[in-house]
Structure formats: C-alpha cells, structure tokens
C-alpha atoms as a PDB file:
ATOM      1  CA  MET A   1     203.469  88.763 257.186  1.00  0.00           C
ATOM      2  CA  SER A   2     200.751  87.070 258.806  1.00  0.00           C
ATOM      3  CA  LEU A   3     197.005  88.122 260.214  1.00  0.00           C
ATOM      4  CA  LEU A   4     196.600  86.280 263.031  1.00  0.00           C
ATOM      5  CA  LYS A   5     193.100  86.645 264.815  1.00  0.00           C
ATOM      6  CA  LEU A   6     191.289  84.945 267.227  1.00  0.00           C
ATOM      7  CA  VAL A   7     189.995  81.756 266.086  1.00  0.00           C
ATOM      8  CA  PRO A   8     186.522  80.683 266.523  1.00  0.00           C
ATOM      9  CA  PRO A   9     185.425  78.156 269.378  1.00  0.00           C
ATOM     10  CA  ASP A  10     185.531  75.240 267.111  1.00  0.00           C
ATOM     11  CA  HIS A  11     188.838  75.475 265.697  1.00  0.00           C
ATOM     12  CA  PRO A  12     191.551  72.426 265.602  1.00  0.00           C
ATOM     13  CA  ALA A  13     194.213  74.246 267.615  1.00  0.00           C
ATOM     14  CA  LEU A  14     191.947  74.755 270.731  1.00  0.00           C
ATOM     15  CA  TRP A  15     191.248  71.308 271.194  1.00  0.00           C
ATOM     16  CA  ARG A  16     194.643  69.763 270.856  1.00  0.00           C
ATOM     17  CA  LYS A  17     197.653  69.628 272.610  1.00  0.00           C
ATOM     18  CA  ALA A  18     200.344  72.314 271.585  1.00  0.00           C
ATOM     19  CA  LEU A  19     203.553  71.410 269.792  1.00  0.00           C
ATOM     20  CA  LYS A  20     206.821  72.082 271.858  1.00  0.00           C
ATOM     21  CA  VAL A  21     208.471  75.086 270.634  1.00  0.00           C
ATOM     22  CA  THR A  22     212.238  73.740 268.978  1.00  0.00           C
ATOM     23  CA  PHE A  23     213.411  77.152 267.897  1.00  0.00           C
ATOM     24  CA  ALA A  24     211.452  80.278 269.658  1.00  0.00           C
ATOM     25  CA  PRO A  25     213.309  82.837 266.789  1.00  0.00           C
ATOM     26  CA  LYS A  26     211.391  81.294 263.957  1.00  0.00           C
ATOM     27  CA  GLU A  27     208.441  79.788 265.336  1.00  0.00           C
ATOM     28  CA  VAL A  28     207.430  82.168 267.994  1.00  0.00           C
ATOM     29  CA  TYR A  29     208.963  85.892 267.572  1.00  0.00           C
ATOM     30  CA  PRO A  30     207.418  86.784 264.477  1.00  0.00           C
ATOM     31  CA  HIS A  31     203.647  86.156 265.866  1.00  0.00           C
ATOM     32  CA  LEU A  32     205.129  88.244 269.486  1.00  0.00           C
ATOM     33  CA  PRO A  33     203.614  91.857 267.891  1.00  0.00           C
ATOM     34  CA  GLU A  34     200.512  90.962 266.360  1.00  0.00           C
ATOM     35  CA  MET A  35     199.398  88.708 269.380  1.00  0.00           C
ATOM     36  CA  ARG A  36     200.372  91.368 271.839  1.00  0.00           C
ATOM     37  CA  ASP A  37     198.192  93.931 269.778  1.00  0.00           C
ATOM     38  CA  ILE A  38     195.263  91.239 269.957  1.00  0.00           C
ATOM     39  CA  LEU A  39     195.830  91.040 273.519  1.00  0.00           C
ATOM     40  CA  ARG A  40     195.761  94.609 274.274  1.00  0.00           C
ATOM     41  CA  ALA A  41     192.907  95.235 272.363  1.00  0.00           C
ATOM     42  CA  ASN A  42     190.526  92.275 273.975  1.00  0.00           C
ATOM     43  CA  ARG A  43     191.890  94.095 277.464  1.00  0.00           C
ATOM     44  CA  ALA A  44     192.984  90.501 278.116  1.00  0.00           C
ATOM     45  CA  LEU A  45     195.140  88.899 280.791  1.00  0.00           C
ATOM     46  CA  GLY A  46     196.661  86.138 278.468  1.00  0.00           C
ATOM     47  CA  LEU A  47     196.793  85.160 274.785  1.00  0.00           C
ATOM     48  CA  SER A  48     197.944  81.484 273.939  1.00  0.00           C
ATOM     49  CA  ALA A  49     199.214  80.409 270.401  1.00  0.00           C
ATOM     50  CA  PRO A  50     196.363  78.197 269.873  1.00  0.00           C
ATOM     51  CA  GLN A  51     193.917  80.888 270.529  1.00  0.00           C
ATOM     52  CA  VAL A  52     195.042  82.569 267.215  1.00  0.00           C
ATOM     53  CA  GLY A  53     195.252  78.983 265.541  1.00  0.00           C
ATOM     54  CA  LEU A  54     198.767  78.239 265.945  1.00  0.00           C
ATOM     55  CA  ARG A  55     199.778  75.026 267.325  1.00  0.00           C
ATOM     56  CA  LEU A  56     202.507  75.881 269.262  1.00  0.00           C
ATOM     57  CA  ARG A  57     203.350  75.825 273.320  1.00  0.00           C
ATOM     58  CA  PHE A  58     203.664  79.254 274.175  1.00  0.00           C
ATOM     59  CA  PHE A  59     201.605  82.192 275.326  1.00  0.00           C
ATOM     60  CA  ILE A  60     201.817  85.709 276.514  1.00  0.00           C
ATOM     61  CA  ARG A  61     200.937  87.911 279.438  1.00  0.00           C
ATOM     62  CA  ASP A  62     201.026  91.629 279.492  1.00  0.00           C
ATOM     63  CA  THR A  63     200.718  93.900 282.853  1.00  0.00           C
ATOM     64  CA  ASP A  64     201.414  97.621 283.594  1.00  0.00           C
ATOM     65  CA  SER A  65     205.404  96.189 284.740  1.00  0.00           C
ATOM     66  CA  MET A  66     205.831  93.451 282.093  1.00  0.00           C
ATOM     67  CA  PHE A  67     205.451  91.651 279.065  1.00  0.00           C
ATOM     68  CA  TRP A  68     205.686  87.994 279.479  1.00  0.00           C
ATOM     69  CA  LEU A  69     206.593  85.481 276.814  1.00  0.00           C
ATOM     70  CA  ALA A  70     206.437  81.863 278.359  1.00  0.00           C
ATOM     71  CA  ILE A  71     207.925  79.019 275.927  1.00  0.00           C
ATOM     72  CA  ASN A  72     207.055  75.743 276.691  1.00  0.00           C
ATOM     73  CA  PRO A  73     205.299  76.340 279.943  1.00  0.00           C
ATOM     74  CA  THR A  74     204.270  74.095 282.638  1.00  0.00           C
ATOM     75  CA  TRP A  75     203.433  74.188 286.455  1.00  0.00           C
ATOM     76  CA  LYS A  76     202.609  72.345 289.248  1.00  0.00           C
ATOM     77  CA  PRO A  77     200.842  73.460 292.575  1.00  0.00           C
ATOM     78  CA  VAL A  78     203.042  74.628 295.776  1.00  0.00           C
ATOM     79  CA  GLU A  79     202.499  72.302 298.578  1.00  0.00           C
ATOM     80  CA  GLY A  80     200.040  73.125 301.171  1.00  0.00           C
ATOM     81  CA  SER A  81     198.284  75.740 298.876  1.00  0.00           C
ATOM     82  CA  PRO A  82     194.879  75.452 298.559  1.00  0.00           C
ATOM     83  CA  LYS A  83     191.969  75.922 295.066  1.00  0.00           C
ATOM     84  CA  GLU A  84     189.785  78.769 295.157  1.00  0.00           C
ATOM     85  CA  THR A  85     186.936  78.617 292.659  1.00  0.00           C
ATOM     86  CA  LEU A  86     186.346  82.013 290.571  1.00  0.00           C
ATOM     87  CA  VAL A  87     184.207  82.771 287.218  1.00  0.00           C
ATOM     88  CA  GLU A  88     186.732  83.237 284.443  1.00  0.00           C
ATOM     89  CA  GLY A  89     185.860  84.143 281.013  1.00  0.00           C
ATOM     90  CA  CYS A  90     187.963  83.541 277.786  1.00  0.00           C
ATOM     91  CA  LEU A  91     188.822  85.405 274.751  1.00  0.00           C
ATOM     92  CA  SER A  92     187.949  81.853 272.570  1.00  0.00           C
ATOM     93  CA  ASN A  93     184.236  82.178 273.369  1.00  0.00           C
ATOM     94  CA  PRO A  94     183.053  85.883 274.205  1.00  0.00           C
ATOM     95  CA  GLY A  95     180.285  86.090 276.476  1.00  0.00           C
ATOM     96  CA  PHE A  96     181.077  82.636 278.225  1.00  0.00           C
ATOM     97  CA  ALA A  97     182.170  82.173 281.738  1.00  0.00           C
ATOM     98  CA  ALA A  98     182.414  79.313 284.001  1.00  0.00           C
ATOM     99  CA  GLU A  99     183.205  79.049 287.777  1.00  0.00           C
ATOM    100  CA  VAL A 100     186.571  77.207 287.635  1.00  0.00           C
ATOM    101  CA  PRO A 101     188.402  75.840 290.655  1.00  0.00           C
ATOM    102  CA  ARG A 102     192.686  77.047 290.299  1.00  0.00           C
ATOM    103  CA  TRP A 103     195.401  76.648 292.549  1.00  0.00           C
ATOM    104  CA  LEU A 104     196.151  79.991 294.760  1.00  0.00           C
ATOM    105  CA  LYS A 105     199.901  79.383 294.525  1.00  0.00           C
ATOM    106  CA  ILE A 106     202.031  77.415 291.943  1.00  0.00           C
ATOM    107  CA  ALA A 107     205.562  76.828 290.713  1.00  0.00           C
ATOM    108  CA  ALA A 108     205.730  77.994 286.780  1.00  0.00           C
ATOM    109  CA  PHE A 109     208.382  76.464 284.433  1.00  0.00           C
ATOM    110  CA  PHE A 110     209.014  78.088 281.311  1.00  0.00           C
ATOM    111  CA  GLU A 111     212.042  78.583 278.844  1.00  0.00           C
ATOM    112  CA  LEU A 112     213.867  81.677 277.884  1.00  0.00           C
ATOM    113  CA  LYS A 113     214.436  82.308 273.947  1.00  0.00           C
ATOM    114  CA  ASP A 114     218.175  80.837 273.856  1.00  0.00           C
ATOM    115  CA  GLY A 115     216.484  77.730 275.642  1.00  0.00           C
ATOM    116  CA  ARG A 116     217.517  78.030 279.366  1.00  0.00           C
ATOM    117  CA  LYS A 117     214.688  76.789 281.718  1.00  0.00           C
ATOM    118  CA  MET A 118     213.913  78.695 284.166  1.00  0.00           C
ATOM    119  CA  HIS A 119     211.065  78.932 287.048  1.00  0.00           C
ATOM    120  CA  GLU A 120     209.310  81.435 288.576  1.00  0.00           C
ATOM    121  CA  PRO A 121     206.732  81.354 291.755  1.00  0.00           C
ATOM    122  CA  LEU A 122     203.486  82.755 290.862  1.00  0.00           C
ATOM    123  CA  GLU A 123     200.245  83.364 293.262  1.00  0.00           C
ATOM    124  CA  GLY A 124     196.614  85.119 293.255  1.00  0.00           C
ATOM    125  CA  VAL A 125     195.887  86.384 289.324  1.00  0.00           C
ATOM    126  CA  ALA A 126     199.196  85.343 287.803  1.00  0.00           C
ATOM    127  CA  ALA A 127     198.878  81.935 289.040  1.00  0.00           C
ATOM    128  CA  ARG A 128     195.332  81.695 287.862  1.00  0.00           C
ATOM    129  CA  VAL A 129     196.119  83.188 284.290  1.00  0.00           C
ATOM    130  CA  TRP A 130     199.442  80.880 283.881  1.00  0.00           C
ATOM    131  CA  GLN A 131     197.120  77.604 284.985  1.00  0.00           C
ATOM    132  CA  HIS A 132     194.208  78.837 282.461  1.00  0.00           C
ATOM    133  CA  GLU A 133     196.786  79.541 279.315  1.00  0.00           C
ATOM    134  CA  CYS A 134     198.462  76.320 280.037  1.00  0.00           C
ATOM    135  CA  ASP A 135     195.271  74.709 280.132  1.00  0.00           C
ATOM    136  CA  HIS A 136     194.562  76.079 276.227  1.00  0.00           C
ATOM    137  CA  LEU A 137     198.127  74.423 275.638  1.00  0.00           C
ATOM    138  CA  ASP A 138     196.946  71.028 276.433  1.00  0.00           C
ATOM    139  CA  GLY A 139     193.600  71.500 274.390  1.00  0.00           C
ATOM    140  CA  ILE A 140     191.636  72.139 277.497  1.00  0.00           C
ATOM    141  CA  ASN A 141     189.046  74.970 277.636  1.00  0.00           C
ATOM    142  CA  ILE A 142     186.573  76.230 279.917  1.00  0.00           C
ATOM    143  CA  PHE A 143     183.690  76.140 277.672  1.00  0.00           C
ATOM    144  CA  PRO A 144     182.212  72.953 276.005  1.00  0.00           C
ATOM    145  CA  LYS A 145     183.160  71.349 272.547  1.00  0.00           C
ATOM    146  CA  PRO A 146     180.894  73.134 270.131  1.00  0.00           C
END
C-alpha cells in the first residue's frame, strides 16, 4: 500500500516530463483511490501524477457529475478559439497564484484503460484544468522553480 502525498515544489517529478503509461492496471489503478482522496480533501479541480511524486503521464479530475481519468493526455486548441488570462493556483505550491493565459476551447485527447484512444471537446473551466494538468505532465508549472 502506498501512502501518496503532495510533493514539495522542488520535487524532481514536478520539473521533468512524465513517462507514457504503458499498462494502466499496474501503473495507474493502484494510485487512484489515494489520489482521489487528496483531490477531494484539497477541494481541487485536478491532480496529476507528478504532484504526488509519480513520474507517469496521467491525471484525475473530479466534478459533481463525473470522475475523469486521463491517461497519456494531450490537447490542441480549437481553431479560432481565443485565449483568456485568469488567476490560477496550484496544489503543488499552496498560496502561490499567477495570471495564466489559456485557450478557451480545446480538443482533448487521451486513452482509456484498455488503450483505446479517445477525444473530447472541452471549453471553459474544463479546458483550463486540462491544460494546467497537462503542463504538469510536461514538467511545466505556474510557479518558478525553487
């Protein structure tokens, strides 16, 4: 049983590109209950694997209506979509906030647990969270490296 917790802002997993998930049942599923507990306890919108010290390319998102597991996610902006700059915070550096420009509409790409590739159009907050979490998976953070 692992005991996951949020890692500090200087943890190497936050500053390196996450590795592609190749077998979700072994690499991802054992961590989901604890990650969901962390996400809910902090009332956060999303949580990426690097934020709990796992250098794997996945994140979770929990809304009132749905629990998302995004395996090997990517995205691209929808043609003609504008950007919007809003203040974002991050569980990886509590108390820090920054103005971050994000695309309002994106096409989100991800894999299901059986490896099938999927895509989903996202906009607004859902698109912002997707971009924020994908940044974590690419070693990009809204706060400066300590």
